[in-house]
Amino acid sequence: MAERERSHTRPLGGVFVAHSQVLTATDVQRALTRMSHEVVERNGGADDVVLVGLQTGGVPLAMKMAETLRQIDGTQRLDVGSLDVAFYRDDIGLRPVLPEAVTDIPVDLAGRVVVLVDDVLFTGRTIRAALNALNDFGRARAVQLAVMVDRGHRELPIRPDYVGKNLPTRREEMVDVGEDGVWIGTLEDK
């Protein structure tokens, strides 16, 4: 969970307390490399692929994945964008609306394969909102989902195509994906 989301999750402004590290920085890079190979294999290369990182946790992962895809496929140009889904969510009013982050989709998505990239897949509601938001940028030929951590507890029938780590958790636990790896912990009052 990115700092932006953490600051608006109950307890409001809570502090993430890590209990254990489940992936190191090396493990995260290895998972990104594996997922990138899977993207190239499934799509016959990366020519028609557009990576779209979901704000905020998915954006740095999308950037790192793009670097890896360029190395694997030899593609010089790979389009990478970012998407904020705050106003497309179906739980507005049930949770605080987060300050708007940058949405930057650099190309028309019509006829392209869009790979949504996020850090943690939990209930699936963020992905549902992302699918609605993508329609504003053209009709993609296909939309695929890459997540670093799939923690279960789905409320919608959404399944990732590429997963770094399946990590069963309790609902009250939090998962933090960062440059130093993946941590599991809890939010506690300040």
C-alpha atoms as a PDB file:
ATOM      1  CA  MET A   1       0.000   0.000   0.000  1.00  0.00           C
ATOM      2  CA  ALA A   2       1.486   3.325  -1.022  1.00  0.00           C
ATOM      3  CA  GLU A   3       1.923   6.202   1.429  1.00  0.00           C
ATOM      4  CA  ARG A   4      -0.881   8.173  -0.254  1.00  0.00           C
ATOM      5  CA  GLU A   5      -3.397   5.393   0.437  1.00  0.00           C
ATOM      6  CA  ARG A   6      -1.989   4.616   3.877  1.00  0.00           C
ATOM      7  CA  SER A   7      -2.529   8.193   5.061  1.00  0.00           C
ATOM      8  CA  HIS A   8      -6.262   7.874   4.279  1.00  0.00           C
ATOM      9  CA  THR A   9      -6.857   4.374   5.637  1.00  0.00           C
ATOM     10  CA  ARG A  10      -8.219   3.782   9.114  1.00  0.00           C
ATOM     11  CA  PRO A  11      -6.702   4.480  11.488  1.00  0.00           C
ATOM     12  CA  LEU A  12      -6.344   7.756   9.556  1.00  0.00           C
ATOM     13  CA  GLY A  13      -2.714   8.625   9.238  1.00  0.00           C
ATOM     14  CA  GLY A  14      -1.774   5.315  10.825  1.00  0.00           C
ATOM     15  CA  VAL A  15       1.783   4.105  10.798  1.00  0.00           C
ATOM     16  CA  PHE A  16       2.673   0.922   8.931  1.00  0.00           C
ATOM     17  CA  VAL A  17       4.462  -1.467  11.260  1.00  0.00           C
ATOM     18  CA  ALA A  18       6.232  -4.233   9.354  1.00  0.00           C
ATOM     19  CA  HIS A  19       6.142  -7.700  10.893  1.00  0.00           C
ATOM     20  CA  SER A  20       8.075  -9.620   8.274  1.00  0.00           C
ATOM     21  CA  GLN A  21       9.706  -9.194   4.902  1.00  0.00           C
ATOM     22  CA  VAL A  22       8.376 -11.618   2.301  1.00  0.00           C
ATOM     23  CA  LEU A  23      10.395 -10.460  -0.722  1.00  0.00           C
ATOM     24  CA  THR A  24      13.747  -8.686  -0.843  1.00  0.00           C
ATOM     25  CA  ALA A  25      14.609  -6.031  -3.422  1.00  0.00           C
ATOM     26  CA  THR A  26      16.364  -8.773  -5.426  1.00  0.00           C
ATOM     27  CA  ASP A  27      13.252 -10.963  -5.235  1.00  0.00           C
ATOM     28  CA  VAL A  28      11.096  -8.084  -6.529  1.00  0.00           C
ATOM     29  CA  GLN A  29      13.435  -7.544  -9.486  1.00  0.00           C
ATOM     30  CA  ARG A  30      13.454 -11.285 -10.202  1.00  0.00           C
ATOM     31  CA  ALA A  31       9.634 -11.338 -10.159  1.00  0.00           C
ATOM     32  CA  LEU A  32       9.491  -8.319 -12.501  1.00  0.00           C
ATOM     33  CA  THR A  33      11.900 -10.060 -14.877  1.00  0.00           C
ATOM     34  CA  ARG A  34       9.802 -13.237 -14.858  1.00  0.00           C
ATOM     35  CA  MET A  35       6.565 -11.306 -15.422  1.00  0.00           C
ATOM     36  CA  SER A  36       8.204  -9.343 -18.255  1.00  0.00           C
ATOM     37  CA  HIS A  37       9.237 -12.589 -19.970  1.00  0.00           C
ATOM     38  CA  GLU A  38       5.639 -13.808 -19.605  1.00  0.00           C
ATOM     39  CA  VAL A  39       4.309 -10.581 -21.198  1.00  0.00           C
ATOM     40  CA  VAL A  40       6.656 -10.994 -24.179  1.00  0.00           C
ATOM     41  CA  GLU A  41       5.782 -14.671 -24.564  1.00  0.00           C
ATOM     42  CA  ARG A  42       2.017 -14.169 -24.314  1.00  0.00           C
ATOM     43  CA  ASN A  43       1.934 -11.200 -26.706  1.00  0.00           C
ATOM     44  CA  GLY A  44       4.552 -12.317 -29.223  1.00  0.00           C
ATOM     45  CA  GLY A  45       6.804  -9.401 -28.294  1.00  0.00           C
ATOM     46  CA  ALA A  46       6.235  -5.977 -26.803  1.00  0.00           C
ATOM     47  CA  ASP A  47       5.512  -3.962 -29.966  1.00  0.00           C
ATOM     48  CA  ASP A  48       1.801  -3.409 -29.293  1.00  0.00           C
ATOM     49  CA  VAL A  49       2.103  -3.361 -25.493  1.00  0.00           C
ATOM     50  CA  VAL A  50       1.382  -0.278 -23.386  1.00  0.00           C
ATOM     51  CA  LEU A  51       2.179  -0.451 -19.671  1.00  0.00           C
ATOM     52  CA  VAL A  52      -0.120   1.568 -17.408  1.00  0.00           C
ATOM     53  CA  GLY A  53       0.894   1.862 -13.769  1.00  0.00           C
ATOM     54  CA  LEU A  54      -1.870   2.524 -11.275  1.00  0.00           C
ATOM     55  CA  GLN A  55      -1.223   5.432  -8.942  1.00  0.00           C
ATOM     56  CA  THR A  56       0.640   5.304  -6.739  1.00  0.00           C
ATOM     57  CA  GLY A  57       2.167   1.922  -6.052  1.00  0.00           C
ATOM     58  CA  GLY A  58       1.950   0.568  -9.595  1.00  0.00           C
ATOM     59  CA  VAL A  59       3.759   3.446 -11.311  1.00  0.00           C
ATOM     60  CA  PRO A  60       7.315   2.648 -10.149  1.00  0.00           C
ATOM     61  CA  LEU A  61       6.726  -1.037 -10.889  1.00  0.00           C
ATOM     62  CA  ALA A  62       5.530  -0.178 -14.419  1.00  0.00           C
ATOM     63  CA  MET A  63       8.660   1.918 -14.998  1.00  0.00           C
ATOM     64  CA  LYS A  64      10.943  -0.908 -13.839  1.00  0.00           C
ATOM     65  CA  MET A  65       8.968  -3.438 -15.867  1.00  0.00           C
ATOM     66  CA  ALA A  66       9.347  -1.236 -18.966  1.00  0.00           C
ATOM     67  CA  GLU A  67      13.143  -1.194 -18.531  1.00  0.00           C
ATOM     68  CA  THR A  68      13.152  -4.978 -18.243  1.00  0.00           C
ATOM     69  CA  LEU A  69      10.861  -5.418 -21.266  1.00  0.00           C
ATOM     70  CA  ARG A  70      13.139  -3.198 -23.361  1.00  0.00           C
ATOM     71  CA  GLN A  71      16.128  -5.376 -22.459  1.00  0.00           C
ATOM     72  CA  ILE A  72      14.294  -8.655 -23.114  1.00  0.00           C
ATOM     73  CA  ASP A  73      12.551  -7.688 -26.356  1.00  0.00           C
ATOM     74  CA  GLY A  74      15.111  -5.223 -27.680  1.00  0.00           C
ATOM     75  CA  THR A  75      12.327  -2.653 -28.085  1.00  0.00           C
ATOM     76  CA  GLN A  76      13.616   0.913 -28.097  1.00  0.00           C
ATOM     77  CA  ARG A  77      10.210   2.500 -27.630  1.00  0.00           C
ATOM     78  CA  LEU A  78       7.745   1.139 -25.112  1.00  0.00           C
ATOM     79  CA  ASP A  79       4.845   3.344 -24.067  1.00  0.00           C
ATOM     80  CA  VAL A  80       4.344   3.702 -20.315  1.00  0.00           C
ATOM     81  CA  GLY A  81       1.606   5.678 -18.620  1.00  0.00           C
ATOM     82  CA  SER A  82       0.074   6.282 -15.225  1.00  0.00           C
ATOM     83  CA  LEU A  83      -3.570   6.178 -14.190  1.00  0.00           C
ATOM     84  CA  ASP A  84      -5.349   7.602 -11.144  1.00  0.00           C
ATOM     85  CA  VAL A  85      -8.700   5.893 -10.564  1.00  0.00           C
ATOM     86  CA  ALA A  86      -9.886   7.877  -7.511  1.00  0.00           C
ATOM     87  CA  PHE A  87     -13.001   9.264  -9.205  1.00  0.00           C
ATOM     88  CA  TYR A  88     -13.907   5.976 -10.895  1.00  0.00           C
ATOM     89  CA  ARG A  89     -14.142   3.992  -7.655  1.00  0.00           C
ATOM     90  CA  ASP A  90     -17.464   2.521  -6.562  1.00  0.00           C
ATOM     91  CA  ASP A  91     -16.771   3.065  -2.873  1.00  0.00           C
ATOM     92  CA  ILE A  92     -16.703   6.860  -2.827  1.00  0.00           C
ATOM     93  CA  GLY A  93     -18.434   7.827   0.371  1.00  0.00           C
ATOM     94  CA  LEU A  94     -17.398   4.614   2.102  1.00  0.00           C
ATOM     95  CA  ARG A  95     -13.773   5.696   2.283  1.00  0.00           C
ATOM     96  CA  PRO A  96     -12.005   9.038   1.939  1.00  0.00           C
ATOM     97  CA  VAL A  97     -11.425  10.362  -1.576  1.00  0.00           C
ATOM     98  CA  LEU A  98      -7.687  10.636  -2.044  1.00  0.00           C
ATOM     99  CA  PRO A  99      -6.063  13.715  -3.511  1.00  0.00           C
ATOM    100  CA  GLU A 100      -5.887  13.342  -7.266  1.00  0.00           C
ATOM    101  CA  ALA A 101      -2.618  11.968  -8.626  1.00  0.00           C
ATOM    102  CA  VAL A 102      -1.273  12.293 -12.146  1.00  0.00           C
ATOM    103  CA  THR A 103      -2.947  10.454 -15.006  1.00  0.00           C
ATOM    104  CA  ASP A 104      -0.740  10.378 -18.076  1.00  0.00           C
ATOM    105  CA  ILE A 105      -1.641   8.029 -20.910  1.00  0.00           C
ATOM    106  CA  PRO A 106       0.835   8.956 -23.688  1.00  0.00           C
ATOM    107  CA  VAL A 107      -0.919   7.207 -26.593  1.00  0.00           C
ATOM    108  CA  ASP A 108      -4.329   6.269 -27.901  1.00  0.00           C
ATOM    109  CA  LEU A 109      -5.031   2.796 -26.561  1.00  0.00           C
ATOM    110  CA  ALA A 110      -7.183   1.742 -29.528  1.00  0.00           C
ATOM    111  CA  GLY A 111      -5.979  -1.591 -30.872  1.00  0.00           C
ATOM    112  CA  ARG A 112      -3.169  -1.887 -28.303  1.00  0.00           C
ATOM    113  CA  VAL A 113      -2.570  -4.437 -25.541  1.00  0.00           C
ATOM    114  CA  VAL A 114      -2.707  -2.628 -22.212  1.00  0.00           C
ATOM    115  CA  VAL A 115      -0.959  -4.196 -19.248  1.00  0.00           C
ATOM    116  CA  LEU A 116      -2.250  -2.634 -16.033  1.00  0.00           C
ATOM    117  CA  VAL A 117       0.467  -2.751 -13.375  1.00  0.00           C
ATOM    118  CA  ASP A 118      -0.254  -2.491  -9.653  1.00  0.00           C
ATOM    119  CA  ASP A 119       1.578  -3.299  -6.459  1.00  0.00           C
ATOM    120  CA  VAL A 120      -1.089  -5.214  -4.505  1.00  0.00           C
ATOM    121  CA  LEU A 121      -4.299  -6.900  -5.653  1.00  0.00           C
ATOM    122  CA  PHE A 122      -6.795  -7.161  -2.806  1.00  0.00           C
ATOM    123  CA  THR A 123     -10.565  -6.798  -3.309  1.00  0.00           C
ATOM    124  CA  GLY A 124     -10.363  -6.029  -7.043  1.00  0.00           C
ATOM    125  CA  ARG A 125     -12.225  -2.717  -6.752  1.00  0.00           C
ATOM    126  CA  THR A 126      -9.244  -0.620  -7.864  1.00  0.00           C
ATOM    127  CA  ILE A 127      -8.888  -2.764 -10.992  1.00  0.00           C
ATOM    128  CA  ARG A 128     -12.620  -2.442 -11.738  1.00  0.00           C
ATOM    129  CA  ALA A 129     -12.221   1.333 -11.501  1.00  0.00           C
ATOM    130  CA  ALA A 130      -9.144   1.191 -13.750  1.00  0.00           C
ATOM    131  CA  LEU A 131     -11.061  -0.733 -16.406  1.00  0.00           C
ATOM    132  CA  ASN A 132     -13.736   1.979 -16.412  1.00  0.00           C
ATOM    133  CA  ALA A 133     -11.120   4.739 -16.559  1.00  0.00           C
ATOM    134  CA  LEU A 134      -9.284   3.125 -19.495  1.00  0.00           C
ATOM    135  CA  ASN A 135     -12.359   3.515 -21.685  1.00  0.00           C
ATOM    136  CA  ASP A 136     -11.695   7.267 -21.759  1.00  0.00           C
ATOM    137  CA  PHE A 137      -8.433   6.614 -23.615  1.00  0.00           C
ATOM    138  CA  GLY A 138      -9.591   4.345 -26.433  1.00  0.00           C
ATOM    139  CA  ARG A 139     -10.771   0.777 -26.884  1.00  0.00           C
ATOM    140  CA  ALA A 140      -7.828  -1.474 -26.172  1.00  0.00           C
ATOM    141  CA  ARG A 141      -7.535  -4.749 -28.077  1.00  0.00           C
ATOM    142  CA  ALA A 142      -6.888  -6.504 -24.756  1.00  0.00           C
ATOM    143  CA  VAL A 143      -6.311  -5.555 -21.131  1.00  0.00           C
ATOM    144  CA  GLN A 144      -4.040  -7.690 -18.982  1.00  0.00           C
ATOM    145  CA  LEU A 145      -3.173  -7.333 -15.307  1.00  0.00           C
ATOM    146  CA  ALA A 146       0.244  -7.583 -13.654  1.00  0.00           C
ATOM    147  CA  VAL A 147       0.550  -7.336  -9.869  1.00  0.00           C
ATOM    148  CA  MET A 148       3.515  -7.787  -7.591  1.00  0.00           C
ATOM    149  CA  VAL A 149       1.384  -9.286  -4.784  1.00  0.00           C
ATOM    150  CA  ASP A 150      -1.976 -11.052  -4.976  1.00  0.00           C
ATOM    151  CA  ARG A 151      -3.196 -11.207  -1.383  1.00  0.00           C
ATOM    152  CA  GLY A 152      -6.638 -12.712  -1.989  1.00  0.00           C
ATOM    153  CA  HIS A 153      -9.933 -11.527  -0.408  1.00  0.00           C
ATOM    154  CA  ARG A 154     -11.484 -10.705  -3.802  1.00  0.00           C
ATOM    155  CA  GLU A 155     -14.912  -9.036  -3.840  1.00  0.00           C
ATOM    156  CA  LEU A 156     -15.123  -8.994  -7.651  1.00  0.00           C
ATOM    157  CA  PRO A 157     -14.317 -11.677 -10.250  1.00  0.00           C
ATOM    158  CA  ILE A 158     -10.908 -10.249 -11.173  1.00  0.00           C
ATOM    159  CA  ARG A 159      -7.798 -12.369 -11.652  1.00  0.00           C
ATOM    160  CA  PRO A 160      -4.286 -11.216 -12.584  1.00  0.00           C
ATOM    161  CA  ASP A 161      -2.506 -12.494 -15.674  1.00  0.00           C
ATOM    162  CA  TYR A 162       0.971 -11.975 -14.195  1.00  0.00           C
ATOM    163  CA  VAL A 163       1.748 -12.323 -10.476  1.00  0.00           C
ATOM    164  CA  GLY A 164       5.003 -11.712  -8.637  1.00  0.00           C
ATOM    165  CA  LYS A 165       3.901 -13.471  -5.436  1.00  0.00           C
ATOM    166  CA  ASN A 166       0.671 -15.017  -4.174  1.00  0.00           C
ATOM    167  CA  LEU A 167       0.542 -14.010  -0.524  1.00  0.00           C
ATOM    168  CA  PRO A 168      -2.454 -15.168   1.520  1.00  0.00           C
ATOM    169  CA  THR A 169      -3.151 -12.614   4.258  1.00  0.00           C
ATOM    170  CA  ARG A 170      -5.678 -11.827   6.940  1.00  0.00           C
ATOM    171  CA  ARG A 171      -8.016  -8.947   6.055  1.00  0.00           C
ATOM    172  CA  GLU A 172      -6.595  -6.691   8.770  1.00  0.00           C
ATOM    173  CA  GLU A 173      -3.015  -7.136   7.604  1.00  0.00           C
ATOM    174  CA  MET A 174      -1.382  -4.690   5.209  1.00  0.00           C
ATOM    175  CA  VAL A 175       1.122  -5.360   2.446  1.00  0.00           C
ATOM    176  CA  ASP A 176       3.745  -2.750   1.607  1.00  0.00           C
ATOM    177  CA  VAL A 177       5.619  -2.944  -1.698  1.00  0.00           C
ATOM    178  CA  GLY A 178       8.642  -0.694  -1.952  1.00  0.00           C
ATOM    179  CA  GLU A 179      12.105  -0.414  -3.426  1.00  0.00           C
ATOM    180  CA  ASP A 180      13.479  -2.446  -0.513  1.00  0.00           C
ATOM    181  CA  GLY A 181      11.075  -5.343  -1.087  1.00  0.00           C
ATOM    182  CA  VAL A 182       7.677  -6.519   0.114  1.00  0.00           C
ATOM    183  CA  TRP A 183       6.666  -6.358   3.759  1.00  0.00           C
ATOM    184  CA  ILE A 184       3.615  -7.604   5.613  1.00  0.00           C
ATOM    185  CA  GLY A 185       2.423  -5.778   8.724  1.00  0.00           C
ATOM    186  CA  THR A 186      -0.364  -3.757  10.301  1.00  0.00           C
ATOM    187  CA  LEU A 187      -1.452  -0.136  10.529  1.00  0.00           C
ATOM    188  CA  GLU A 188      -1.297   1.283  14.006  1.00  0.00           C
ATOM    189  CA  ASP A 189      -2.387   4.613  15.490  1.00  0.00           C
ATOM    190  CA  LYS A 190       0.266   7.310  15.590  1.00  0.00           C
END
